[in-house]
């Protein structure tokens, strides 16, 4: 089943910096603030998972424009508590369509 989204979905991998670990007891509150920020820019959190391994967390979210994405990443980065790598997804139906055209 292919779900069609109007907005681009992004996958953000991240690592918590030492300042984030110093205030680990407020992590839920920080996550809620990040979700509110994302929503204020027209985006929506799809999922958030904490990880064991190379990254400490992964977030799936959508955003209406690259400009709003850059604003979100700049504001999050300004706090200095996380380091992130964000990847833009390609909808499966787009790839299916292209594969039939070539």
PDB file of N, CA and C in Angstrom:
ATOM      1  N   UNK A   1       0.843  -1.185   0.000  1.00  0.00           N
ATOM      2  CA  UNK A   1       0.000   0.000   0.000  1.00  0.00           C
ATOM      3  C   UNK A   1       0.880   1.237   0.000  1.00  0.00           C
ATOM      4  N   UNK A   2       0.625   2.143  -0.895  1.00  0.00           N
ATOM      5  CA  UNK A   2       1.395   3.374  -1.018  1.00  0.00           C
ATOM      6  C   UNK A   2       0.563   4.520  -0.476  1.00  0.00           C
ATOM      7  N   UNK A   3       1.140   5.231   0.488  1.00  0.00           N
ATOM      8  CA  UNK A   3       0.465   6.411   1.039  1.00  0.00           C
ATOM      9  C   UNK A   3       0.978   7.644   0.319  1.00  0.00           C
ATOM     10  N   UNK A   4       0.099   8.525  -0.062  1.00  0.00           N
ATOM     11  CA  UNK A   4       0.481   9.750  -0.752  1.00  0.00           C
ATOM     12  C   UNK A   4       0.453  10.897   0.255  1.00  0.00           C
ATOM     13  N   UNK A   5       1.570  11.599   0.343  1.00  0.00           N
ATOM     14  CA  UNK A   5       1.668  12.758   1.227  1.00  0.00           C
ATOM     15  C   UNK A   5       1.780  14.017   0.383  1.00  0.00           C
ATOM     16  N   UNK A   6       1.218  15.083   0.858  1.00  0.00           N
ATOM     17  CA  UNK A   6       1.334  16.360   0.170  1.00  0.00           C
ATOM     18  C   UNK A   6       2.693  16.994   0.445  1.00  0.00           C
ATOM     19  N   UNK A   7       3.203  16.826   1.654  1.00  0.00           N
ATOM     20  CA  UNK A   7       4.465  17.447   2.034  1.00  0.00           C
ATOM     21  C   UNK A   7       5.595  16.427   1.949  1.00  0.00           C
ATOM     22  N   UNK A   8       6.798  16.937   1.848  1.00  0.00           N
ATOM     23  CA  UNK A   8       7.971  16.078   1.829  1.00  0.00           C
ATOM     24  C   UNK A   8       8.222  15.518   3.217  1.00  0.00           C
ATOM     25  N   UNK A   9       8.524  14.233   3.276  1.00  0.00           N
ATOM     26  CA  UNK A   9       8.866  13.591   4.544  1.00  0.00           C
ATOM     27  C   UNK A   9      10.378  13.589   4.685  1.00  0.00           C
ATOM     28  N   UNK A  10      10.841  13.949   5.872  1.00  0.00           N
ATOM     29  CA  UNK A  10      12.262  13.979   6.184  1.00  0.00           C
ATOM     30  C   UNK A  10      12.560  12.976   7.291  1.00  0.00           C
ATOM     31  N   UNK A  11      13.767  12.443   7.252  1.00  0.00           N
ATOM     32  CA  UNK A  11      14.270  11.555   8.295  1.00  0.00           C
ATOM     33  C   UNK A  11      15.454  12.281   8.920  1.00  0.00           C
ATOM     34  N   UNK A  12      15.357  12.563  10.207  1.00  0.00           N
ATOM     35  CA  UNK A  12      16.422  13.267  10.909  1.00  0.00           C
ATOM     36  C   UNK A  12      17.057  12.337  11.937  1.00  0.00           C
ATOM     37  N   UNK A  13      18.330  12.028  11.718  1.00  0.00           N
ATOM     38  CA  UNK A  13      19.104  11.270  12.692  1.00  0.00           C
ATOM     39  C   UNK A  13      19.813  12.272  13.581  1.00  0.00           C
ATOM     40  N   UNK A  14      19.950  11.949  14.862  1.00  0.00           N
ATOM     41  CA  UNK A  14      20.601  12.906  15.746  1.00  0.00           C
ATOM     42  C   UNK A  14      21.354  12.272  16.886  1.00  0.00           C
ATOM     43  N   UNK A  15      22.267  13.064  17.399  1.00  0.00           N
ATOM     44  CA  UNK A  15      23.027  12.699  18.589  1.00  0.00           C
ATOM     45  C   UNK A  15      22.859  13.788  19.631  1.00  0.00           C
ATOM     46  N   UNK A  16      22.652  13.361  20.867  1.00  0.00           N
ATOM     47  CA  UNK A  16      22.566  14.288  21.980  1.00  0.00           C
ATOM     48  C   UNK A  16      23.981  14.704  22.383  1.00  0.00           C
ATOM     49  N   UNK A  17      24.177  15.990  22.582  1.00  0.00           N
ATOM     50  CA  UNK A  17      25.469  16.478  23.054  1.00  0.00           C
ATOM     51  C   UNK A  17      25.494  16.404  24.579  1.00  0.00           C
ATOM     52  N   UNK A  18      26.646  16.657  25.169  1.00  0.00           N
ATOM     53  CA  UNK A  18      26.799  16.503  26.623  1.00  0.00           C
ATOM     54  C   UNK A  18      25.826  17.376  27.405  1.00  0.00           C
ATOM     55  N   UNK A  19      25.522  18.592  26.911  1.00  0.00           N
ATOM     56  CA  UNK A  19      24.560  19.452  27.612  1.00  0.00           C
ATOM     57  C   UNK A  19      23.171  18.812  27.675  1.00  0.00           C
ATOM     58  N   UNK A  20      22.800  18.074  26.651  1.00  0.00           N
ATOM     59  CA  UNK A  20      21.500  17.386  26.656  1.00  0.00           C
ATOM     60  C   UNK A  20      21.483  16.286  27.707  1.00  0.00           C
ATOM     61  N   UNK A  21      22.599  15.567  27.843  1.00  0.00           N
ATOM     62  CA  UNK A  21      22.660  14.497  28.847  1.00  0.00           C
ATOM     63  C   UNK A  21      22.660  15.059  30.261  1.00  0.00           C
ATOM     64  N   UNK A  22      23.205  16.253  30.443  1.00  0.00           N
ATOM     65  CA  UNK A  22      23.208  16.886  31.765  1.00  0.00           C
ATOM     66  C   UNK A  22      21.783  17.206  32.224  1.00  0.00           C
ATOM     67  N   UNK A  23      20.900  17.421  31.254  1.00  0.00           N
ATOM     68  CA  UNK A  23      19.504  17.762  31.557  1.00  0.00           C
ATOM     69  C   UNK A  23      18.560  16.680  31.045  1.00  0.00           C
ATOM     70  N   UNK A  24      18.969  15.434  31.166  1.00  0.00           N
ATOM     71  CA  UNK A  24      18.196  14.324  30.615  1.00  0.00           C
ATOM     72  C   UNK A  24      16.799  14.224  31.232  1.00  0.00           C
ATOM     73  N   UNK A  25      16.641  14.692  32.454  1.00  0.00           N
ATOM     74  CA  UNK A  25      15.330  14.615  33.105  1.00  0.00           C
ATOM     75  C   UNK A  25      14.289  15.513  32.439  1.00  0.00           C
ATOM     76  N   UNK A  26      14.715  16.440  31.574  1.00  0.00           N
ATOM     77  CA  UNK A  26      13.763  17.315  30.883  1.00  0.00           C
ATOM     78  C   UNK A  26      13.634  16.967  29.399  1.00  0.00           C
ATOM     79  N   UNK A  27      14.060  15.764  29.025  1.00  0.00           N
ATOM     80  CA  UNK A  27      14.056  15.392  27.609  1.00  0.00           C
ATOM     81  C   UNK A  27      12.644  15.344  27.023  1.00  0.00           C
ATOM     82  N   UNK A  28      11.686  14.870  27.789  1.00  0.00           N
ATOM     83  CA  UNK A  28      10.310  14.814  27.271  1.00  0.00           C
ATOM     84  C   UNK A  28       9.792  16.222  26.984  1.00  0.00           C
ATOM     85  N   UNK A  29      10.076  17.145  27.872  1.00  0.00           N
ATOM     86  CA  UNK A  29       9.652  18.538  27.679  1.00  0.00           C
ATOM     87  C   UNK A  29      10.317  19.141  26.433  1.00  0.00           C
ATOM     88  N   UNK A  30      11.606  18.851  26.241  1.00  0.00           N
ATOM     89  CA  UNK A  30      12.317  19.367  25.058  1.00  0.00           C
ATOM     90  C   UNK A  30      11.719  18.780  23.776  1.00  0.00           C
ATOM     91  N   UNK A  31      11.378  17.489  23.806  1.00  0.00           N
ATOM     92  CA  UNK A  31      10.769  16.868  22.629  1.00  0.00           C
ATOM     93  C   UNK A  31       9.428  17.522  22.297  1.00  0.00           C
ATOM     94  N   UNK A  32       8.648  17.828  23.320  1.00  0.00           N
ATOM     95  CA  UNK A  32       7.353  18.484  23.098  1.00  0.00           C
ATOM     96  C   UNK A  32       7.544  19.883  22.525  1.00  0.00           C
ATOM     97  N   UNK A  33       8.566  20.611  22.997  1.00  0.00           N
ATOM     98  CA  UNK A  33       8.854  21.945  22.459  1.00  0.00           C
ATOM     99  C   UNK A  33       9.271  21.855  20.993  1.00  0.00           C
ATOM    100  N   UNK A  34      10.067  20.840  20.657  1.00  0.00           N
ATOM    101  CA  UNK A  34      10.486  20.656  19.268  1.00  0.00           C
ATOM    102  C   UNK A  34       9.278  20.362  18.384  1.00  0.00           C
ATOM    103  N   UNK A  35       8.346  19.555  18.882  1.00  0.00           N
ATOM    104  CA  UNK A  35       7.133  19.242  18.121  1.00  0.00           C
ATOM    105  C   UNK A  35       6.299  20.499  17.902  1.00  0.00           C
ATOM    106  N   UNK A  36       6.180  21.334  18.928  1.00  0.00           N
ATOM    107  CA  UNK A  36       5.420  22.588  18.792  1.00  0.00           C
ATOM    108  C   UNK A  36       6.092  23.523  17.792  1.00  0.00           C
ATOM    109  N   UNK A  37       7.415  23.588  17.837  1.00  0.00           N
ATOM    110  CA  UNK A  37       8.153  24.411  16.877  1.00  0.00           C
ATOM    111  C   UNK A  37       7.904  23.919  15.467  1.00  0.00           C
ATOM    112  N   UNK A  38       8.011  22.619  15.269  1.00  0.00           N
ATOM    113  CA  UNK A  38       7.785  22.021  13.955  1.00  0.00           C
ATOM    114  C   UNK A  38       6.382  22.356  13.457  1.00  0.00           C
ATOM    115  N   UNK A  39       5.403  22.206  14.311  1.00  0.00           N
ATOM    116  CA  UNK A  39       4.016  22.494  13.939  1.00  0.00           C
ATOM    117  C   UNK A  39       3.805  23.977  13.652  1.00  0.00           C
ATOM    118  N   UNK A  40       4.504  24.855  14.384  1.00  0.00           N
ATOM    119  CA  UNK A  40       4.368  26.300  14.149  1.00  0.00           C
ATOM    120  C   UNK A  40       4.908  26.693  12.775  1.00  0.00           C
ATOM    121  N   UNK A  41       5.769  25.843  12.201  1.00  0.00           N
ATOM    122  CA  UNK A  41       6.324  26.089  10.871  1.00  0.00           C
ATOM    123  C   UNK A  41       5.562  25.307   9.794  1.00  0.00           C
ATOM    124  N   UNK A  42       4.439  24.712  10.174  1.00  0.00           N
ATOM    125  CA  UNK A  42       3.602  24.008   9.218  1.00  0.00           C
ATOM    126  C   UNK A  42       3.909  22.532   9.071  1.00  0.00           C
ATOM    127  N   UNK A  43       4.860  22.024   9.842  1.00  0.00           N
ATOM    128  CA  UNK A  43       5.232  20.615   9.756  1.00  0.00           C
ATOM    129  C   UNK A  43       4.482  19.757  10.747  1.00  0.00           C
ATOM    130  N   UNK A  44       4.800  18.467  10.731  1.00  0.00           N
ATOM    131  CA  UNK A  44       4.149  17.533  11.643  1.00  0.00           C
ATOM    132  C   UNK A  44       5.103  16.386  11.967  1.00  0.00           C
ATOM    133  N   UNK A  45       5.228  16.080  13.257  1.00  0.00           N
ATOM    134  CA  UNK A  45       6.000  14.908  13.666  1.00  0.00           C
ATOM    135  C   UNK A  45       5.226  13.660  13.275  1.00  0.00           C
ATOM    136  N   UNK A  46       5.889  12.717  12.637  1.00  0.00           N
ATOM    137  CA  UNK A  46       5.279  11.436  12.299  1.00  0.00           C
ATOM    138  C   UNK A  46       5.684  10.396  13.334  1.00  0.00           C
ATOM    139  N   UNK A  47       6.977  10.388  13.689  1.00  0.00           N
ATOM    140  CA  UNK A  47       7.466   9.421  14.676  1.00  0.00           C
ATOM    141  C   UNK A  47       8.784   9.900  15.259  1.00  0.00           C
ATOM    142  N   UNK A  48       9.029   9.506  16.507  1.00  0.00           N
ATOM    143  CA  UNK A  48      10.287   9.782  17.209  1.00  0.00           C
ATOM    144  C   UNK A  48      10.685   8.506  17.928  1.00  0.00           C
ATOM    145  N   UNK A  49      11.917   8.079  17.697  1.00  0.00           N
ATOM    146  CA  UNK A  49      12.449   6.900  18.379  1.00  0.00           C
ATOM    147  C   UNK A  49      13.836   7.220  18.902  1.00  0.00           C
ATOM    148  N   UNK A  50      14.133   6.739  20.092  1.00  0.00           N
ATOM    149  CA  UNK A  50      15.500   6.798  20.621  1.00  0.00           C
ATOM    150  C   UNK A  50      16.178   5.494  20.251  1.00  0.00           C
ATOM    151  N   UNK A  51      17.472   5.554  19.983  1.00  0.00           N
ATOM    152  CA  UNK A  51      18.191   4.433  19.393  1.00  0.00           C
ATOM    153  C   UNK A  51      19.394   4.015  20.225  1.00  0.00           C
ATOM    154  N   UNK A  52      19.828   2.797  20.011  1.00  0.00           N
ATOM    155  CA  UNK A  52      21.106   2.301  20.509  1.00  0.00           C
ATOM    156  C   UNK A  52      21.986   2.137  19.280  1.00  0.00           C
ATOM    157  N   UNK A  53      23.163   2.721  19.296  1.00  0.00           N
ATOM    158  CA  UNK A  53      24.041   2.611  18.137  1.00  0.00           C
ATOM    159  C   UNK A  53      24.645   3.944  17.767  1.00  0.00           C
ATOM    160  N   UNK A  54      24.863   4.126  16.476  1.00  0.00           N
ATOM    161  CA  UNK A  54      25.552   5.309  15.964  1.00  0.00           C
ATOM    162  C   UNK A  54      24.817   6.604  16.302  1.00  0.00           C
ATOM    163  N   UNK A  55      23.490   6.568  16.248  1.00  0.00           N
ATOM    164  CA  UNK A  55      22.678   7.749  16.534  1.00  0.00           C
ATOM    165  C   UNK A  55      21.895   7.533  17.818  1.00  0.00           C
ATOM    166  N   UNK A  56      21.571   8.648  18.477  1.00  0.00           N
ATOM    167  CA  UNK A  56      20.783   8.586  19.706  1.00  0.00           C
ATOM    168  C   UNK A  56      19.279   8.633  19.439  1.00  0.00           C
ATOM    169  N   UNK A  57      18.883   9.235  18.316  1.00  0.00           N
ATOM    170  CA  UNK A  57      17.456   9.301  17.996  1.00  0.00           C
ATOM    171  C   UNK A  57      17.246   9.442  16.496  1.00  0.00           C
ATOM    172  N   UNK A  58      16.015   9.138  16.075  1.00  0.00           N
ATOM    173  CA  UNK A  58      15.579   9.357  14.701  1.00  0.00           C
ATOM    174  C   UNK A  58      14.177   9.944  14.752  1.00  0.00           C
ATOM    175  N   UNK A  59      13.948  10.943  13.919  1.00  0.00           N
ATOM    176  CA  UNK A  59      12.643  11.595  13.841  1.00  0.00           C
ATOM    177  C   UNK A  59      12.184  11.553  12.391  1.00  0.00           C
ATOM    178  N   UNK A  60      10.936  11.161  12.175  1.00  0.00           N
ATOM    179  CA  UNK A  60      10.312  11.271  10.864  1.00  0.00           C
ATOM    180  C   UNK A  60       9.300  12.393  10.957  1.00  0.00           C
ATOM    181  N   UNK A  61       9.374  13.326  10.021  1.00  0.00           N
ATOM    182  CA  UNK A  61       8.448  14.450  10.038  1.00  0.00           C
ATOM    183  C   UNK A  61       8.240  14.955   8.625  1.00  0.00           C
ATOM    184  N   UNK A  62       7.146  15.696   8.444  1.00  0.00           N
ATOM    185  CA  UNK A  62       6.950  16.334   7.152  1.00  0.00           C
ATOM    186  C   UNK A  62       7.014  17.836   7.327  1.00  0.00           C
ATOM    187  N   UNK A  63       7.305  18.510   6.225  1.00  0.00           N
ATOM    188  CA  UNK A  63       7.480  19.958   6.250  1.00  0.00           C
ATOM    189  C   UNK A  63       7.008  20.507   4.905  1.00  0.00           C
ATOM    190  N   UNK A  64       6.285  21.637   4.919  1.00  0.00           N
ATOM    191  CA  UNK A  64       5.709  22.148   3.678  1.00  0.00           C
ATOM    192  C   UNK A  64       6.719  22.759   2.706  1.00  0.00           C
ATOM    193  N   UNK A  65       7.887  23.187   3.198  1.00  0.00           N
ATOM    194  CA  UNK A  65       8.861  23.810   2.299  1.00  0.00           C
ATOM    195  C   UNK A  65      10.276  23.635   2.836  1.00  0.00           C
ATOM    196  N   UNK A  66      11.239  23.739   1.931  1.00  0.00           N
ATOM    197  CA  UNK A  66      12.642  23.664   2.346  1.00  0.00           C
ATOM    198  C   UNK A  66      13.008  24.860   3.213  1.00  0.00           C
ATOM    199  N   UNK A  67      12.404  26.014   2.930  1.00  0.00           N
ATOM    200  CA  UNK A  67      12.661  27.208   3.735  1.00  0.00           C
ATOM    201  C   UNK A  67      12.272  26.959   5.197  1.00  0.00           C
ATOM    202  N   UNK A  68      11.120  26.363   5.414  1.00  0.00           N
ATOM    203  CA  UNK A  68      10.684  26.062   6.779  1.00  0.00           C
ATOM    204  C   UNK A  68      11.551  24.979   7.407  1.00  0.00           C
ATOM    205  N   UNK A  69      12.011  24.041   6.597  1.00  0.00           N
ATOM    206  CA  UNK A  69      12.935  23.017   7.092  1.00  0.00           C
ATOM    207  C   UNK A  69      14.210  23.669   7.606  1.00  0.00           C
ATOM    208  N   UNK A  70      14.775  24.576   6.818  1.00  0.00           N
ATOM    209  CA  UNK A  70      16.011  25.249   7.223  1.00  0.00           C
ATOM    210  C   UNK A  70      15.787  26.067   8.497  1.00  0.00           C
ATOM    211  N   UNK A  71      14.648  26.732   8.605  1.00  0.00           N
ATOM    212  CA  UNK A  71      14.324  27.479   9.824  1.00  0.00           C
ATOM    213  C   UNK A  71      14.285  26.543  11.029  1.00  0.00           C
ATOM    214  N   UNK A  72      13.604  25.419  10.872  1.00  0.00           N
ATOM    215  CA  UNK A  72      13.489  24.452  11.966  1.00  0.00           C
ATOM    216  C   UNK A  72      14.867  23.953  12.387  1.00  0.00           C
ATOM    217  N   UNK A  73      15.685  23.542  11.425  1.00  0.00           N
ATOM    218  CA  UNK A  73      17.014  23.011  11.745  1.00  0.00           C
ATOM    219  C   UNK A  73      17.908  24.073  12.377  1.00  0.00           C
ATOM    220  N   UNK A  74      17.796  25.316  11.909  1.00  0.00           N
ATOM    221  CA  UNK A  74      18.606  26.393  12.469  1.00  0.00           C
ATOM    222  C   UNK A  74      18.224  26.683  13.920  1.00  0.00           C
ATOM    223  N   UNK A  75      16.936  26.692  14.190  1.00  0.00           N
ATOM    224  CA  UNK A  75      16.479  26.955  15.566  1.00  0.00           C
ATOM    225  C   UNK A  75      16.893  25.816  16.488  1.00  0.00           C
ATOM    226  N   UNK A  76      16.703  24.588  16.047  1.00  0.00           N
ATOM    227  CA  UNK A  76      17.102  23.434  16.862  1.00  0.00           C
ATOM    228  C   UNK A  76      18.614  23.451  17.086  1.00  0.00           C
ATOM    229  N   UNK A  77      19.382  23.721  16.036  1.00  0.00           N
ATOM    230  CA  UNK A  77      20.834  23.754  16.142  1.00  0.00           C
ATOM    231  C   UNK A  77      21.352  24.868  17.023  1.00  0.00           C
ATOM    232  N   UNK A  78      20.632  25.965  17.075  1.00  0.00           N
ATOM    233  CA  UNK A  78      21.043  27.126  17.870  1.00  0.00           C
ATOM    234  C   UNK A  78      21.130  26.806  19.363  1.00  0.00           C
ATOM    235  N   UNK A  79      20.335  25.847  19.803  1.00  0.00           N
ATOM    236  CA  UNK A  79      20.340  25.481  21.221  1.00  0.00           C
ATOM    237  C   UNK A  79      21.593  24.711  21.610  1.00  0.00           C
ATOM    238  N   UNK A  80      22.256  24.101  20.649  1.00  0.00           N
ATOM    239  CA  UNK A  80      23.532  23.439  20.908  1.00  0.00           C
ATOM    240  C   UNK A  80      23.471  22.145  21.694  1.00  0.00           C
ATOM    241  N   UNK A  81      22.301  21.517  21.774  1.00  0.00           N
ATOM    242  CA  UNK A  81      22.198  20.283  22.559  1.00  0.00           C
ATOM    243  C   UNK A  81      22.138  19.030  21.694  1.00  0.00           C
ATOM    244  N   UNK A  82      21.980  19.202  20.377  1.00  0.00           N
ATOM    245  CA  UNK A  82      21.942  18.055  19.470  1.00  0.00           C
ATOM    246  C   UNK A  82      22.740  18.360  18.200  1.00  0.00           C
ATOM    247  N   UNK A  83      23.199  17.294  17.585  1.00  0.00           N
ATOM    248  CA  UNK A  83      23.823  17.356  16.253  1.00  0.00           C
ATOM    249  C   UNK A  83      22.976  16.463  15.374  1.00  0.00           C
ATOM    250  N   UNK A  84      22.563  16.984  14.208  1.00  0.00           N
ATOM    251  CA  UNK A  84      21.626  16.232  13.386  1.00  0.00           C
ATOM    252  C   UNK A  84      22.120  16.050  11.951  1.00  0.00           C
ATOM    253  N   UNK A  85      21.559  15.041  11.316  1.00  0.00           N
ATOM    254  CA  UNK A  85      21.730  14.796   9.882  1.00  0.00           C
ATOM    255  C   UNK A  85      20.336  14.525   9.344  1.00  0.00           C
ATOM    256  N   UNK A  86      19.902  15.339   8.386  1.00  0.00           N
ATOM    257  CA  UNK A  86      18.537  15.236   7.878  1.00  0.00           C
ATOM    258  C   UNK A  86      18.558  14.800   6.420  1.00  0.00           C
ATOM    259  N   UNK A  87      17.709  13.836   6.111  1.00  0.00           N
ATOM    260  CA  UNK A  87      17.650  13.240   4.780  1.00  0.00           C
ATOM    261  C   UNK A  87      16.238  13.423   4.224  1.00  0.00           C
ATOM    262  N   UNK A  88      16.157  13.836   2.962  1.00  0.00           N
ATOM    263  CA  UNK A  88      14.869  13.982   2.291  1.00  0.00           C
ATOM    264  C   UNK A  88      14.465  12.650   1.672  1.00  0.00           C
ATOM    265  N   UNK A  89      13.217  12.268   1.827  1.00  0.00           N
ATOM    266  CA  UNK A  89      12.739  11.000   1.262  1.00  0.00           C
ATOM    267  C   UNK A  89      12.211  11.205  -0.157  1.00  0.00           C
ATOM    268  N   UNK A  90      12.147  10.115  -0.872  1.00  0.00           N
ATOM    269  CA  UNK A  90      11.536  10.083  -2.202  1.00  0.00           C
ATOM    270  C   UNK A  90      10.342   9.135  -2.096  1.00  0.00           C
ATOM    271  N   UNK A  91       9.137   9.611  -2.366  1.00  0.00           N
ATOM    272  CA  UNK A  91       7.967   8.729  -2.276  1.00  0.00           C
ATOM    273  C   UNK A  91       8.100   7.553  -3.233  1.00  0.00           C
ATOM    274  N   UNK A  92       7.697   6.383  -2.778  1.00  0.00           N
ATOM    275  CA  UNK A  92       7.786   5.180  -3.596  1.00  0.00           C
ATOM    276  C   UNK A  92       7.011   5.343  -4.894  1.00  0.00           C
ATOM    277  N   UNK A  93       5.830   5.970  -4.841  1.00  0.00           N
ATOM    278  CA  UNK A  93       5.036   6.113  -6.064  1.00  0.00           C
ATOM    279  C   UNK A  93       5.745   6.971  -7.108  1.00  0.00           C
ATOM    280  N   UNK A  94       6.576   7.925  -6.668  1.00  0.00           N
ATOM    281  CA  UNK A  94       7.349   8.726  -7.608  1.00  0.00           C
ATOM    282  C   UNK A  94       8.378   7.855  -8.330  1.00  0.00           C
ATOM    283  N   UNK A  95       9.058   7.015  -7.574  1.00  0.00           N
ATOM    284  CA  UNK A  95      10.045   6.119  -8.179  1.00  0.00           C
ATOM    285  C   UNK A  95       9.377   5.122  -9.116  1.00  0.00           C
ATOM    286  N   UNK A  96       8.212   4.610  -8.713  1.00  0.00           N
ATOM    287  CA  UNK A  96       7.482   3.676  -9.570  1.00  0.00           C
ATOM    288  C   UNK A  96       7.127   4.342 -10.902  1.00  0.00           C
ATOM    289  N   UNK A  97       6.651   5.578 -10.836  1.00  0.00           N
ATOM    290  CA  UNK A  97       6.271   6.309 -12.037  1.00  0.00           C
ATOM    291  C   UNK A  97       7.481   6.535 -12.931  1.00  0.00           C
ATOM    292  N   UNK A  98       8.576   6.982 -12.361  1.00  0.00           N
ATOM    293  CA  UNK A  98       9.794   7.242 -13.134  1.00  0.00           C
ATOM    294  C   UNK A  98      10.304   5.955 -13.767  1.00  0.00           C
ATOM    295  N   UNK A  99      10.250   4.864 -13.016  1.00  0.00           N
ATOM    296  CA  UNK A  99      10.766   3.590 -13.547  1.00  0.00           C
ATOM    297  C   UNK A  99       9.997   3.137 -14.795  1.00  0.00           C
ATOM    298  N   UNK A 100       8.730   3.516 -14.883  1.00  0.00           N
ATOM    299  CA  UNK A 100       7.925   3.158 -16.055  1.00  0.00           C
ATOM    300  C   UNK A 100       8.171   4.082 -17.240  1.00  0.00           C
ATOM    301  N   UNK A 101       8.712   5.268 -16.959  1.00  0.00           N
ATOM    302  CA  UNK A 101       8.963   6.258 -18.006  1.00  0.00           C
ATOM    303  C   UNK A 101      10.322   6.057 -18.684  1.00  0.00           C
ATOM    304  N   UNK A 102      11.234   5.362 -18.029  1.00  0.00           N
ATOM    305  CA  UNK A 102      12.574   5.248 -18.616  1.00  0.00           C
ATOM    306  C   UNK A 102      12.817   3.869 -19.223  1.00  0.00           C
TER     307      UNK A 102
END
